[in-house]
Amino acid sequence: MGLPACIFLATGACTQDGKEWDNLSRASDCEQTVIVIGGTGFIGGHIVTEFARSDRQVIIVSRHPPESQAKTRHGALDLCSTDIPRITQFLLAHRPGLIVNASGAVWRTSEERMWAVNSKMVNNIISAIITLPWRPRLIHLGSVYEYAPVPAGTRIDAKTPERPVSAYGRSKLAGTSAVLRATKAGLIDGSVVRLSNVTGAGSPPASLLGSVAERLTKLRGRGPAVMRFGELTGHRDFLDARDVAAAVKLAAGRSALGQMINLGRGEAVHVRRAVEMMVSVSGLPVSIEEAGENQASGNRDAGTDWIEVETLPAWQLLGWRPKVTLLESLRGLWKEVSAA
């Protein structure tokens, strides 16, 4: 997830108090609008691509213009600093049927920024939705780091305690809780999709595998080399961003109001093994050395040594299963960075 604030609007019913809404536009117009704030970021970009393949109108909203992409438009809006009336006017102008919040402050950023994007911005979105004369649906992208650490061999599911141990996890939980509270109170029609460690083409250089790929590009043509890390510890459930986008699209077309759905591949992979796979995909003669403190996972992973997600509920609720293997995901990442 990139740092720009992001809203993503997709298909959904235009309703108010359970009735079809037709004051500002036809329901069919509302259903066809897809707005993604944060569509210039990693995961948001894949969501934009997924919906741009359909007949729906895609509007990317971010602080900075995206690269040119067919079937999309752009609107400049920073939801962290913009007041609620202006956000409301933006939504009134574009008449979404579904809003998916794909924003997030994750790597190499301050705790203050995390709370601004992961919590305050979510409350801004909710406050604007509440003022609309129709009821769009909201899908919020959360994180499995909102849960408490679990013992090795344990799968994270909806019964896992919500007791995050990092600033990232706490700020994300605050945003998720706001969505679920507003939904339970009948103020919005919301649901939450919590993601495991997302990777694939477009992975930010600040992420573990994104940084490994970037470092490998600088070693091309130099012969045998050594790549040094701190301790590469822990296990992660790596999920390709294309699978995330597919799940979001499925969630947009199904009734999962008030639901919290965890997404992962259901496979805990040792961090060192993932790094070794990235090196192998590059085909470069690079060896790995570990020394010193753990530097691999970043501040959001503090105290989380094992992540493996239970995948059955996502299948039951969305008809979704991950299709992209970690190897395929890393190949896509390397193809992108090596071509740059």
C-alpha atoms as a PDB file:
ATOM      1  CA  MET A   1       0.000   0.000   0.000  1.00  0.00           C
ATOM      2  CA  GLY A   2       1.376   3.372  -0.973  1.00  0.00           C
ATOM      3  CA  LEU A   3       1.509   6.455   1.166  1.00  0.00           C
ATOM      4  CA  PRO A   4      -1.025   8.538  -0.781  1.00  0.00           C
ATOM      5  CA  ALA A   5      -4.495   8.461   0.723  1.00  0.00           C
ATOM      6  CA  CYS A   6      -6.797   6.292  -1.322  1.00  0.00           C
ATOM      7  CA  ILE A   7     -10.472   5.659  -1.923  1.00  0.00           C
ATOM      8  CA  PHE A   8     -11.641   3.130  -4.328  1.00  0.00           C
ATOM      9  CA  LEU A   9     -15.216   3.033  -5.573  1.00  0.00           C
ATOM     10  CA  ALA A  10     -16.608   0.060  -7.407  1.00  0.00           C
ATOM     11  CA  THR A  11     -19.898  -1.532  -8.323  1.00  0.00           C
ATOM     12  CA  GLY A  12     -22.637  -1.781  -5.771  1.00  0.00           C
ATOM     13  CA  ALA A  13     -26.275  -0.988  -5.211  1.00  0.00           C
ATOM     14  CA  CYS A  14     -27.285   2.657  -4.815  1.00  0.00           C
ATOM     15  CA  THR A  15     -29.583   2.522  -1.851  1.00  0.00           C
ATOM     16  CA  GLN A  16     -30.805   4.582   1.043  1.00  0.00           C
ATOM     17  CA  ASP A  17     -32.662   2.941   3.920  1.00  0.00           C
ATOM     18  CA  GLY A  18     -32.905  -0.195   1.822  1.00  0.00           C
ATOM     19  CA  LYS A  19     -34.539   1.572  -1.145  1.00  0.00           C
ATOM     20  CA  GLU A  20     -33.108   2.270  -4.563  1.00  0.00           C
ATOM     21  CA  TRP A  21     -31.823   5.833  -4.840  1.00  0.00           C
ATOM     22  CA  ASP A  22     -32.507   7.916  -7.942  1.00  0.00           C
ATOM     23  CA  ASN A  23     -32.288  11.570  -6.865  1.00  0.00           C
ATOM     24  CA  LEU A  24     -28.914  12.485  -8.336  1.00  0.00           C
ATOM     25  CA  SER A  25     -28.450   9.851 -11.003  1.00  0.00           C
ATOM     26  CA  ARG A  26     -29.751   6.590 -12.276  1.00  0.00           C
ATOM     27  CA  ALA A  27     -28.746   3.551 -10.213  1.00  0.00           C
ATOM     28  CA  SER A  28     -26.995   2.120 -13.269  1.00  0.00           C
ATOM     29  CA  ASP A  29     -24.698   5.155 -13.403  1.00  0.00           C
ATOM     30  CA  CYS A  30     -23.837   4.700  -9.745  1.00  0.00           C
ATOM     31  CA  GLU A  31     -23.075   1.010 -10.200  1.00  0.00           C
ATOM     32  CA  GLN A  32     -20.620   1.654 -13.005  1.00  0.00           C
ATOM     33  CA  THR A  33     -18.385   4.125 -11.132  1.00  0.00           C
ATOM     34  CA  VAL A  34     -15.079   2.933  -9.740  1.00  0.00           C
ATOM     35  CA  ILE A  35     -12.952   5.471  -7.873  1.00  0.00           C
ATOM     36  CA  VAL A  36      -9.595   4.503  -6.435  1.00  0.00           C
ATOM     37  CA  ILE A  37      -7.811   6.918  -4.130  1.00  0.00           C
ATOM     38  CA  GLY A  38      -4.365   5.436  -3.804  1.00  0.00           C
ATOM     39  CA  GLY A  39      -4.654   3.873  -7.229  1.00  0.00           C
ATOM     40  CA  THR A  40      -1.141   5.140  -7.913  1.00  0.00           C
ATOM     41  CA  GLY A  41       0.165   2.916  -5.092  1.00  0.00           C
ATOM     42  CA  PHE A  42       1.169  -0.735  -5.101  1.00  0.00           C
ATOM     43  CA  ILE A  43      -2.043  -2.572  -4.237  1.00  0.00           C
ATOM     44  CA  GLY A  44      -4.316   0.222  -5.451  1.00  0.00           C
ATOM     45  CA  GLY A  45      -2.654   0.046  -8.855  1.00  0.00           C
ATOM     46  CA  HIS A  46      -3.492  -3.633  -9.204  1.00  0.00           C
ATOM     47  CA  ILE A  47      -7.098  -2.927  -8.170  1.00  0.00           C
ATOM     48  CA  VAL A  48      -7.319  -0.213 -10.819  1.00  0.00           C
ATOM     49  CA  THR A  49      -6.029  -2.653 -13.440  1.00  0.00           C
ATOM     50  CA  GLU A  50      -8.547  -5.302 -12.377  1.00  0.00           C
ATOM     51  CA  PHE A  51     -11.524  -2.976 -12.711  1.00  0.00           C
ATOM     52  CA  ALA A  52     -10.239  -1.193 -15.809  1.00  0.00           C
ATOM     53  CA  ARG A  53     -10.695  -4.512 -17.630  1.00  0.00           C
ATOM     54  CA  SER A  54     -14.431  -4.273 -17.047  1.00  0.00           C
ATOM     55  CA  ASP A  55     -16.952  -1.794 -18.411  1.00  0.00           C
ATOM     56  CA  ARG A  56     -16.917   0.301 -15.237  1.00  0.00           C
ATOM     57  CA  GLN A  57     -15.625   3.844 -15.083  1.00  0.00           C
ATOM     58  CA  VAL A  58     -12.423   4.061 -13.033  1.00  0.00           C
ATOM     59  CA  ILE A  59     -11.406   7.294 -11.301  1.00  0.00           C
ATOM     60  CA  ILE A  60      -8.047   7.339  -9.535  1.00  0.00           C
ATOM     61  CA  VAL A  61      -7.805   9.755  -6.633  1.00  0.00           C
ATOM     62  CA  SER A  62      -4.383  10.579  -5.200  1.00  0.00           C
ATOM     63  CA  ARG A  63      -2.152  13.494  -4.339  1.00  0.00           C
ATOM     64  CA  HIS A  64      -0.049  12.966  -7.459  1.00  0.00           C
ATOM     65  CA  PRO A  65      -1.155  12.114 -11.013  1.00  0.00           C
ATOM     66  CA  PRO A  66      -0.809   8.470 -12.082  1.00  0.00           C
ATOM     67  CA  GLU A  67       0.909   7.232 -15.189  1.00  0.00           C
ATOM     68  CA  SER A  68      -1.412   7.253 -18.167  1.00  0.00           C
ATOM     69  CA  GLN A  69      -3.766   4.281 -18.094  1.00  0.00           C
ATOM     70  CA  ALA A  70      -6.620   3.461 -20.415  1.00  0.00           C
ATOM     71  CA  LYS A  71     -10.196   3.763 -19.120  1.00  0.00           C
ATOM     72  CA  THR A  72      -9.247   5.820 -16.068  1.00  0.00           C
ATOM     73  CA  ARG A  73      -9.501   9.431 -14.920  1.00  0.00           C
ATOM     74  CA  HIS A  74      -7.700  11.209 -12.087  1.00  0.00           C
ATOM     75  CA  GLY A  75      -8.821  13.484  -9.282  1.00  0.00           C
ATOM     76  CA  ALA A  76      -6.404  15.200  -6.886  1.00  0.00           C
ATOM     77  CA  LEU A  77      -7.535  14.815  -3.279  1.00  0.00           C
ATOM     78  CA  ASP A  78      -5.658  14.229  -0.019  1.00  0.00           C
ATOM     79  CA  LEU A  79      -8.161  12.673   2.358  1.00  0.00           C
ATOM     80  CA  CYS A  80      -5.946  13.233   5.386  1.00  0.00           C
ATOM     81  CA  SER A  81      -6.025  17.017   5.102  1.00  0.00           C
ATOM     82  CA  THR A  82      -9.187  17.690   3.101  1.00  0.00           C
ATOM     83  CA  ASP A  83     -12.249  18.692   5.138  1.00  0.00           C
ATOM     84  CA  ILE A  84     -15.368  16.513   5.213  1.00  0.00           C
ATOM     85  CA  PRO A  85     -17.580  18.858   3.117  1.00  0.00           C
ATOM     86  CA  ARG A  86     -15.079  18.787   0.257  1.00  0.00           C
ATOM     87  CA  ILE A  87     -14.828  14.988   0.383  1.00  0.00           C
ATOM     88  CA  THR A  88     -18.618  14.831   0.383  1.00  0.00           C
ATOM     89  CA  GLN A  89     -18.791  17.105  -2.663  1.00  0.00           C
ATOM     90  CA  PHE A  90     -16.299  14.890  -4.454  1.00  0.00           C
ATOM     91  CA  LEU A  91     -18.429  11.811  -3.787  1.00  0.00           C
ATOM     92  CA  LEU A  92     -21.598  13.648  -4.812  1.00  0.00           C
ATOM     93  CA  ALA A  93     -19.951  14.620  -8.085  1.00  0.00           C
ATOM     94  CA  HIS A  94     -18.933  11.050  -8.956  1.00  0.00           C
ATOM     95  CA  ARG A  95     -21.817   9.114  -7.362  1.00  0.00           C
ATOM     96  CA  PRO A  96     -20.115   5.841  -6.370  1.00  0.00           C
ATOM     97  CA  GLY A  97     -21.978   2.679  -5.548  1.00  0.00           C
ATOM     98  CA  LEU A  98     -19.099   1.110  -3.650  1.00  0.00           C
ATOM     99  CA  ILE A  99     -16.044   2.570  -1.930  1.00  0.00           C
ATOM    100  CA  VAL A 100     -12.965   0.459  -1.301  1.00  0.00           C
ATOM    101  CA  ASN A 101     -10.325   2.070   0.863  1.00  0.00           C
ATOM    102  CA  ALA A 102      -7.015   0.730  -0.432  1.00  0.00           C
ATOM    103  CA  SER A 103      -4.832   3.247   1.383  1.00  0.00           C
ATOM    104  CA  GLY A 104      -2.122   2.641   3.930  1.00  0.00           C
ATOM    105  CA  ALA A 105       1.059   4.056   5.420  1.00  0.00           C
ATOM    106  CA  VAL A 106       3.328   1.065   5.870  1.00  0.00           C
ATOM    107  CA  TRP A 107       7.093   1.077   5.402  1.00  0.00           C
ATOM    108  CA  ARG A 108       9.720   3.603   6.488  1.00  0.00           C
ATOM    109  CA  THR A 109       7.324   6.239   7.707  1.00  0.00           C
ATOM    110  CA  SER A 110       6.594   7.919  11.009  1.00  0.00           C
ATOM    111  CA  GLU A 111       4.073   6.702  13.535  1.00  0.00           C
ATOM    112  CA  GLU A 112       2.297  10.038  13.146  1.00  0.00           C
ATOM    113  CA  ARG A 113       1.883   9.425   9.416  1.00  0.00           C
ATOM    114  CA  MET A 114       0.586   5.917  10.070  1.00  0.00           C
ATOM    115  CA  TRP A 115      -2.147   7.235  12.344  1.00  0.00           C
ATOM    116  CA  ALA A 116      -3.038   9.992   9.887  1.00  0.00           C
ATOM    117  CA  VAL A 117      -3.481   7.646   6.908  1.00  0.00           C
ATOM    118  CA  ASN A 118      -4.537   4.397   8.579  1.00  0.00           C
ATOM    119  CA  SER A 119      -6.970   5.865  11.102  1.00  0.00           C
ATOM    120  CA  LYS A 120      -7.835   9.555  10.694  1.00  0.00           C
ATOM    121  CA  MET A 121      -8.350   9.261   6.952  1.00  0.00           C
ATOM    122  CA  VAL A 122     -10.672   6.288   7.388  1.00  0.00           C
ATOM    123  CA  ASN A 123     -12.819   8.298   9.793  1.00  0.00           C
ATOM    124  CA  ASN A 124     -12.902  11.134   7.242  1.00  0.00           C
ATOM    125  CA  ILE A 125     -14.206   8.730   4.601  1.00  0.00           C
ATOM    126  CA  ILE A 126     -16.866   7.372   6.943  1.00  0.00           C
ATOM    127  CA  SER A 127     -17.960  10.871   7.954  1.00  0.00           C
ATOM    128  CA  ALA A 128     -18.371  11.862   4.304  1.00  0.00           C
ATOM    129  CA  ILE A 129     -20.296   8.700   3.418  1.00  0.00           C
ATOM    130  CA  ILE A 130     -22.742   9.258   6.245  1.00  0.00           C
ATOM    131  CA  THR A 131     -23.753  12.635   4.782  1.00  0.00           C
ATOM    132  CA  LEU A 132     -24.627  11.234   1.332  1.00  0.00           C
ATOM    133  CA  PRO A 133     -28.266  10.916   0.244  1.00  0.00           C
ATOM    134  CA  TRP A 134     -27.644   7.307  -0.818  1.00  0.00           C
ATOM    135  CA  ARG A 135     -25.855   4.371   0.766  1.00  0.00           C
ATOM    136  CA  PRO A 136     -22.682   3.311  -1.082  1.00  0.00           C
ATOM    137  CA  ARG A 137     -20.910   0.190   0.084  1.00  0.00           C
ATOM    138  CA  LEU A 138     -17.459   0.473   1.653  1.00  0.00           C
ATOM    139  CA  ILE A 139     -14.734  -2.162   1.483  1.00  0.00           C
ATOM    140  CA  HIS A 140     -11.793  -1.340   3.722  1.00  0.00           C
ATOM    141  CA  LEU A 141      -8.413  -3.025   3.258  1.00  0.00           C
ATOM    142  CA  GLY A 142      -7.004  -3.921   6.655  1.00  0.00           C
ATOM    143  CA  SER A 143      -4.028  -6.013   7.736  1.00  0.00           C
ATOM    144  CA  VAL A 144      -3.399  -9.270   9.586  1.00  0.00           C
ATOM    145  CA  TYR A 145      -0.937  -7.241  11.673  1.00  0.00           C
ATOM    146  CA  GLU A 146      -4.029  -6.017  13.514  1.00  0.00           C
ATOM    147  CA  TYR A 147      -4.047  -9.376  15.293  1.00  0.00           C
ATOM    148  CA  ALA A 148      -1.989 -10.557  18.248  1.00  0.00           C
ATOM    149  CA  PRO A 149       1.074 -12.713  17.463  1.00  0.00           C
ATOM    150  CA  VAL A 150       0.227 -16.415  17.239  1.00  0.00           C
ATOM    151  CA  PRO A 151       2.337 -19.504  18.026  1.00  0.00           C
ATOM    152  CA  ALA A 152       4.169 -21.209  15.174  1.00  0.00           C
ATOM    153  CA  GLY A 153       1.898 -23.603  13.335  1.00  0.00           C
ATOM    154  CA  THR A 154      -1.254 -21.608  14.175  1.00  0.00           C
ATOM    155  CA  ARG A 155      -3.427 -20.153  11.444  1.00  0.00           C
ATOM    156  CA  ILE A 156      -4.806 -16.646  11.856  1.00  0.00           C
ATOM    157  CA  ASP A 157      -8.594 -16.510  11.634  1.00  0.00           C
ATOM    158  CA  ALA A 158     -11.475 -14.327  12.777  1.00  0.00           C
ATOM    159  CA  LYS A 159     -11.181 -15.737  16.311  1.00  0.00           C
ATOM    160  CA  THR A 160      -7.570 -14.600  16.713  1.00  0.00           C
ATOM    161  CA  PRO A 161      -7.388 -11.826  19.357  1.00  0.00           C
ATOM    162  CA  GLU A 162      -7.028  -8.280  18.017  1.00  0.00           C
ATOM    163  CA  ARG A 163      -3.981  -7.213  20.001  1.00  0.00           C
ATOM    164  CA  PRO A 164      -1.390  -5.698  17.632  1.00  0.00           C
ATOM    165  CA  VAL A 165       2.169  -5.226  18.866  1.00  0.00           C
ATOM    166  CA  SER A 166       3.343  -2.594  16.361  1.00  0.00           C
ATOM    167  CA  ALA A 167       2.369   1.004  15.656  1.00  0.00           C
ATOM    168  CA  TYR A 168       1.377  -0.062  12.162  1.00  0.00           C
ATOM    169  CA  GLY A 169      -0.937  -2.764  13.472  1.00  0.00           C
ATOM    170  CA  ARG A 170      -2.506  -0.472  16.072  1.00  0.00           C
ATOM    171  CA  SER A 171      -3.189   2.292  13.555  1.00  0.00           C
ATOM    172  CA  LYS A 172      -4.673  -0.167  11.050  1.00  0.00           C
ATOM    173  CA  LEU A 173      -6.873  -1.710  13.745  1.00  0.00           C
ATOM    174  CA  ALA A 174      -8.206   1.739  14.599  1.00  0.00           C
ATOM    175  CA  GLY A 175      -9.304   2.212  10.980  1.00  0.00           C
ATOM    176  CA  THR A 176     -10.832  -1.260  10.744  1.00  0.00           C
ATOM    177  CA  SER A 177     -12.695  -0.801  14.023  1.00  0.00           C
ATOM    178  CA  ALA A 178     -14.152   2.492  12.809  1.00  0.00           C
ATOM    179  CA  VAL A 179     -15.566   0.810   9.691  1.00  0.00           C
ATOM    180  CA  LEU A 180     -17.074  -2.105  11.613  1.00  0.00           C
ATOM    181  CA  ARG A 181     -18.533   0.143  14.326  1.00  0.00           C
ATOM    182  CA  ALA A 182     -20.197   2.415  11.768  1.00  0.00           C
ATOM    183  CA  THR A 183     -21.564  -0.620   9.952  1.00  0.00           C
ATOM    184  CA  LYS A 184     -22.933  -2.181  13.136  1.00  0.00           C
ATOM    185  CA  ALA A 185     -24.589   1.130  13.996  1.00  0.00           C
ATOM    186  CA  GLY A 186     -26.304   1.153  10.596  1.00  0.00           C
ATOM    187  CA  LEU A 187     -24.508   4.313   9.462  1.00  0.00           C
ATOM    188  CA  ILE A 188     -22.701   2.708   6.500  1.00  0.00           C
ATOM    189  CA  ASP A 189     -22.665  -0.575   4.575  1.00  0.00           C
ATOM    190  CA  GLY A 190     -19.113  -1.714   5.218  1.00  0.00           C
ATOM    191  CA  SER A 191     -16.879  -4.773   5.254  1.00  0.00           C
ATOM    192  CA  VAL A 192     -13.175  -5.357   5.891  1.00  0.00           C
ATOM    193  CA  VAL A 193     -10.621  -7.407   3.962  1.00  0.00           C
ATOM    194  CA  ARG A 194      -7.471  -8.024   6.006  1.00  0.00           C
ATOM    195  CA  LEU A 195      -4.340  -8.748   3.995  1.00  0.00           C
ATOM    196  CA  SER A 196      -1.253 -10.782   4.771  1.00  0.00           C
ATOM    197  CA  ASN A 197       2.163  -9.769   3.332  1.00  0.00           C
ATOM    198  CA  VAL A 198       1.441  -8.609  -0.208  1.00  0.00           C
ATOM    199  CA  THR A 199       4.119  -8.887  -2.886  1.00  0.00           C
ATOM    200  CA  GLY A 200       4.492  -9.098  -6.662  1.00  0.00           C
ATOM    201  CA  ALA A 201       5.129  -6.628  -9.474  1.00  0.00           C
ATOM    202  CA  GLY A 202       5.188  -3.105  -8.102  1.00  0.00           C
ATOM    203  CA  SER A 203       6.356  -4.086  -4.607  1.00  0.00           C
ATOM    204  CA  PRO A 204       7.774  -0.915  -3.016  1.00  0.00           C
ATOM    205  CA  PRO A 205      11.565  -0.777  -2.554  1.00  0.00           C
ATOM    206  CA  ALA A 206      10.871  -0.171   1.135  1.00  0.00           C
ATOM    207  CA  SER A 207       9.331  -3.654   1.465  1.00  0.00           C
ATOM    208  CA  LEU A 208      11.574  -6.661   2.112  1.00  0.00           C
ATOM    209  CA  LEU A 209      11.251  -8.429  -1.238  1.00  0.00           C
ATOM    210  CA  GLY A 210      11.005  -5.152  -3.117  1.00  0.00           C
ATOM    211  CA  SER A 211      14.299  -4.033  -1.573  1.00  0.00           C
ATOM    212  CA  VAL A 212      15.951  -7.371  -2.394  1.00  0.00           C
ATOM    213  CA  ALA A 213      14.863  -7.075  -6.030  1.00  0.00           C
ATOM    214  CA  GLU A 214      16.172  -3.522  -6.240  1.00  0.00           C
ATOM    215  CA  ARG A 215      19.527  -4.498  -4.703  1.00  0.00           C
ATOM    216  CA  LEU A 216      19.841  -7.370  -7.166  1.00  0.00           C
ATOM    217  CA  THR A 217      19.429  -5.044 -10.153  1.00  0.00           C
ATOM    218  CA  LYS A 218      22.532  -3.160  -8.990  1.00  0.00           C
ATOM    219  CA  LEU A 219      24.569  -6.385  -8.960  1.00  0.00           C
ATOM    220  CA  ARG A 220      23.952  -7.323 -12.580  1.00  0.00           C
ATOM    221  CA  GLY A 221      27.117  -7.788 -14.604  1.00  0.00           C
ATOM    222  CA  ARG A 222      29.403  -7.747 -11.553  1.00  0.00           C
ATOM    223  CA  GLY A 223      30.017 -11.478 -11.239  1.00  0.00           C
ATOM    224  CA  PRO A 224      29.734 -13.383  -7.934  1.00  0.00           C
ATOM    225  CA  ALA A 225      28.559 -11.129  -5.117  1.00  0.00           C
ATOM    226  CA  VAL A 226      27.413 -11.254  -1.506  1.00  0.00           C
ATOM    227  CA  MET A 227      24.168  -9.714  -0.255  1.00  0.00           C
ATOM    228  CA  ARG A 228      24.246  -9.051   3.482  1.00  0.00           C
ATOM    229  CA  PHE A 229      21.252  -8.820   5.799  1.00  0.00           C
ATOM    230  CA  GLY A 230      20.478  -8.706   9.458  1.00  0.00           C
ATOM    231  CA  GLU A 231      18.874 -11.886  10.765  1.00  0.00           C
ATOM    232  CA  LEU A 232      16.301 -13.200   8.298  1.00  0.00           C
ATOM    233  CA  THR A 233      13.900 -14.649  10.837  1.00  0.00           C
ATOM    234  CA  GLY A 234      10.221 -15.463  11.000  1.00  0.00           C
ATOM    235  CA  HIS A 235       7.654 -16.912   8.626  1.00  0.00           C
ATOM    236  CA  ARG A 236       5.300 -14.857   6.427  1.00  0.00           C
ATOM    237  CA  ASP A 237       2.218 -15.640   4.365  1.00  0.00           C
ATOM    238  CA  PHE A 238       3.085 -13.960   1.042  1.00  0.00           C
ATOM    239  CA  LEU A 239       0.117 -13.016  -1.162  1.00  0.00           C
ATOM    240  CA  ASP A 240       0.321 -11.683  -4.707  1.00  0.00           C
ATOM    241  CA  ALA A 241      -1.266  -8.283  -5.321  1.00  0.00           C
ATOM    242  CA  ARG A 242      -3.197  -9.673  -8.308  1.00  0.00           C
ATOM    243  CA  ASP A 243      -4.952 -12.123  -5.998  1.00  0.00           C
ATOM    244  CA  VAL A 244      -5.831  -9.222  -3.701  1.00  0.00           C
ATOM    245  CA  ALA A 245      -7.368  -7.305  -6.603  1.00  0.00           C
ATOM    246  CA  ALA A 246      -9.371 -10.360  -7.656  1.00  0.00           C
ATOM    247  CA  ALA A 247     -10.702 -10.771  -4.109  1.00  0.00           C
ATOM    248  CA  VAL A 248     -11.727  -7.110  -3.922  1.00  0.00           C
ATOM    249  CA  LYS A 249     -13.632  -7.418  -7.170  1.00  0.00           C
ATOM    250  CA  LEU A 250     -15.435 -10.495  -5.860  1.00  0.00           C
ATOM    251  CA  ALA A 251     -16.231  -8.697  -2.609  1.00  0.00           C
ATOM    252  CA  ALA A 252     -17.684  -5.813  -4.607  1.00  0.00           C
ATOM    253  CA  GLY A 253     -20.177  -8.161  -6.224  1.00  0.00           C
ATOM    254  CA  ARG A 254     -21.223 -10.060  -3.106  1.00  0.00           C
ATOM    255  CA  SER A 255     -23.128  -9.169   0.019  1.00  0.00           C
ATOM    256  CA  ALA A 256     -20.592  -9.344   2.842  1.00  0.00           C
ATOM    257  CA  LEU A 257     -21.799  -6.410   4.923  1.00  0.00           C
ATOM    258  CA  GLY A 258     -20.311  -6.305   8.393  1.00  0.00           C
ATOM    259  CA  GLN A 259     -17.972  -9.169   7.545  1.00  0.00           C
ATOM    260  CA  MET A 260     -14.248  -9.295   8.262  1.00  0.00           C
ATOM    261  CA  ILE A 261     -12.413 -11.486   5.722  1.00  0.00           C
ATOM    262  CA  ASN A 262      -8.754 -12.505   6.006  1.00  0.00           C
ATOM    263  CA  LEU A 263      -6.738 -12.984   2.812  1.00  0.00           C
ATOM    264  CA  GLY A 264      -3.548 -15.002   2.492  1.00  0.00           C
ATOM    265  CA  ARG A 265      -2.151 -17.967   0.596  1.00  0.00           C
ATOM    266  CA  GLY A 266      -2.410 -20.136   3.704  1.00  0.00           C
ATOM    267  CA  GLU A 267       1.300 -20.933   3.573  1.00  0.00           C
ATOM    268  CA  ALA A 268       3.909 -19.720   6.046  1.00  0.00           C
ATOM    269  CA  VAL A 269       7.240 -19.267   4.253  1.00  0.00           C
ATOM    270  CA  HIS A 270      10.495 -18.616   6.096  1.00  0.00           C
ATOM    271  CA  VAL A 271      11.748 -15.110   5.354  1.00  0.00           C
ATOM    272  CA  ARG A 272      15.207 -16.366   4.358  1.00  0.00           C
ATOM    273  CA  ARG A 273      13.636 -18.861   1.972  1.00  0.00           C
ATOM    274  CA  ALA A 274      11.676 -16.043   0.295  1.00  0.00           C
ATOM    275  CA  VAL A 275      14.871 -14.007  -0.120  1.00  0.00           C
ATOM    276  CA  GLU A 276      16.680 -17.060  -1.553  1.00  0.00           C
ATOM    277  CA  MET A 277      13.831 -17.539  -4.032  1.00  0.00           C
ATOM    278  CA  MET A 278      14.131 -13.903  -5.116  1.00  0.00           C
ATOM    279  CA  VAL A 279      17.849 -14.350  -5.730  1.00  0.00           C
ATOM    280  CA  SER A 280      17.238 -17.592  -7.619  1.00  0.00           C
ATOM    281  CA  VAL A 281      14.634 -15.930  -9.853  1.00  0.00           C
ATOM    282  CA  SER A 282      17.167 -13.244 -10.786  1.00  0.00           C
ATOM    283  CA  GLY A 283      19.627 -15.879 -12.004  1.00  0.00           C
ATOM    284  CA  LEU A 284      22.519 -13.863 -10.568  1.00  0.00           C
ATOM    285  CA  PRO A 285      25.501 -15.476  -8.781  1.00  0.00           C
ATOM    286  CA  VAL A 286      24.636 -13.893  -5.436  1.00  0.00           C
ATOM    287  CA  SER A 287      25.059 -15.497  -2.015  1.00  0.00           C
ATOM    288  CA  ILE A 288      23.327 -14.416   1.206  1.00  0.00           C
ATOM    289  CA  GLU A 289      24.929 -13.646   4.533  1.00  0.00           C
ATOM    290  CA  GLU A 290      23.152 -12.831   7.795  1.00  0.00           C
ATOM    291  CA  ALA A 291      24.669 -10.886  10.661  1.00  0.00           C
ATOM    292  CA  GLY A 292      23.529  -8.695  13.523  1.00  0.00           C
ATOM    293  CA  GLU A 293      20.010  -7.728  14.502  1.00  0.00           C
ATOM    294  CA  ASN A 294      16.898  -8.541  12.548  1.00  0.00           C
ATOM    295  CA  GLN A 295      16.611  -5.959   9.779  1.00  0.00           C
ATOM    296  CA  ALA A 296      14.459  -7.863   7.355  1.00  0.00           C
ATOM    297  CA  SER A 297      10.908  -7.330   8.418  1.00  0.00           C
ATOM    298  CA  GLY A 298      10.677  -3.634   9.219  1.00  0.00           C
ATOM    299  CA  ASN A 299       8.874  -1.846  12.026  1.00  0.00           C
ATOM    300  CA  ARG A 300       5.404  -3.157  11.209  1.00  0.00           C
ATOM    301  CA  ASP A 301       6.452  -6.787  11.873  1.00  0.00           C
ATOM    302  CA  ALA A 302       7.880  -6.271  15.359  1.00  0.00           C
ATOM    303  CA  GLY A 303       7.073  -9.236  17.610  1.00  0.00           C
ATOM    304  CA  THR A 304       5.382 -11.201  14.823  1.00  0.00           C
ATOM    305  CA  ASP A 305       7.367 -14.351  14.042  1.00  0.00           C
ATOM    306  CA  TRP A 306       4.706 -16.511  12.396  1.00  0.00           C
ATOM    307  CA  ILE A 307       1.975 -15.522   9.954  1.00  0.00           C
ATOM    308  CA  GLU A 308      -0.239 -18.044   8.203  1.00  0.00           C
ATOM    309  CA  VAL A 309      -3.821 -17.228   7.271  1.00  0.00           C
ATOM    310  CA  GLU A 310      -6.831 -19.535   7.326  1.00  0.00           C
ATOM    311  CA  THR A 311      -8.207 -19.380   3.775  1.00  0.00           C
ATOM    312  CA  LEU A 312     -11.499 -21.299   4.043  1.00  0.00           C
ATOM    313  CA  PRO A 313     -13.691 -18.320   5.118  1.00  0.00           C
ATOM    314  CA  ALA A 314     -12.590 -16.322   2.045  1.00  0.00           C
ATOM    315  CA  TRP A 315     -13.716 -19.206  -0.133  1.00  0.00           C
ATOM    316  CA  GLN A 316     -17.014 -19.535   1.711  1.00  0.00           C
ATOM    317  CA  LEU A 317     -17.805 -15.806   1.664  1.00  0.00           C
ATOM    318  CA  LEU A 318     -16.308 -14.729  -1.664  1.00  0.00           C
ATOM    319  CA  GLY A 319     -15.652 -17.875  -3.670  1.00  0.00           C
ATOM    320  CA  TRP A 320     -12.002 -16.764  -3.646  1.00  0.00           C
ATOM    321  CA  ARG A 321      -8.817 -18.806  -3.577  1.00  0.00           C
ATOM    322  CA  PRO A 322      -5.268 -17.536  -4.238  1.00  0.00           C
ATOM    323  CA  LYS A 323      -4.050 -18.479  -7.708  1.00  0.00           C
ATOM    324  CA  VAL A 324      -0.555 -16.962  -7.912  1.00  0.00           C
ATOM    325  CA  THR A 325       2.271 -18.919  -6.295  1.00  0.00           C
ATOM    326  CA  LEU A 326       5.073 -17.133  -4.469  1.00  0.00           C
ATOM    327  CA  LEU A 327       7.484 -18.173  -7.221  1.00  0.00           C
ATOM    328  CA  GLU A 328       5.235 -16.665  -9.905  1.00  0.00           C
ATOM    329  CA  SER A 329       4.848 -13.523  -7.808  1.00  0.00           C
ATOM    330  CA  LEU A 330       8.622 -13.108  -7.498  1.00  0.00           C
ATOM    331  CA  ARG A 331       9.094 -13.703 -11.203  1.00  0.00           C
ATOM    332  CA  GLY A 332       6.653 -10.876 -11.896  1.00  0.00           C
ATOM    333  CA  LEU A 333       8.511  -8.604  -9.496  1.00  0.00           C
ATOM    334  CA  TRP A 334      11.881  -9.373 -11.053  1.00  0.00           C
ATOM    335  CA  LYS A 335      10.575  -8.958 -14.601  1.00  0.00           C
ATOM    336  CA  GLU A 336       9.380  -5.486 -13.711  1.00  0.00           C
ATOM    337  CA  VAL A 337      12.445  -4.212 -11.856  1.00  0.00           C
ATOM    338  CA  SER A 338      14.956  -5.743 -14.256  1.00  0.00           C
ATOM    339  CA  ALA A 339      13.264  -4.055 -17.211  1.00  0.00           C
ATOM    340  CA  ALA A 340      13.377  -0.607 -15.617  1.00  0.00           C
END
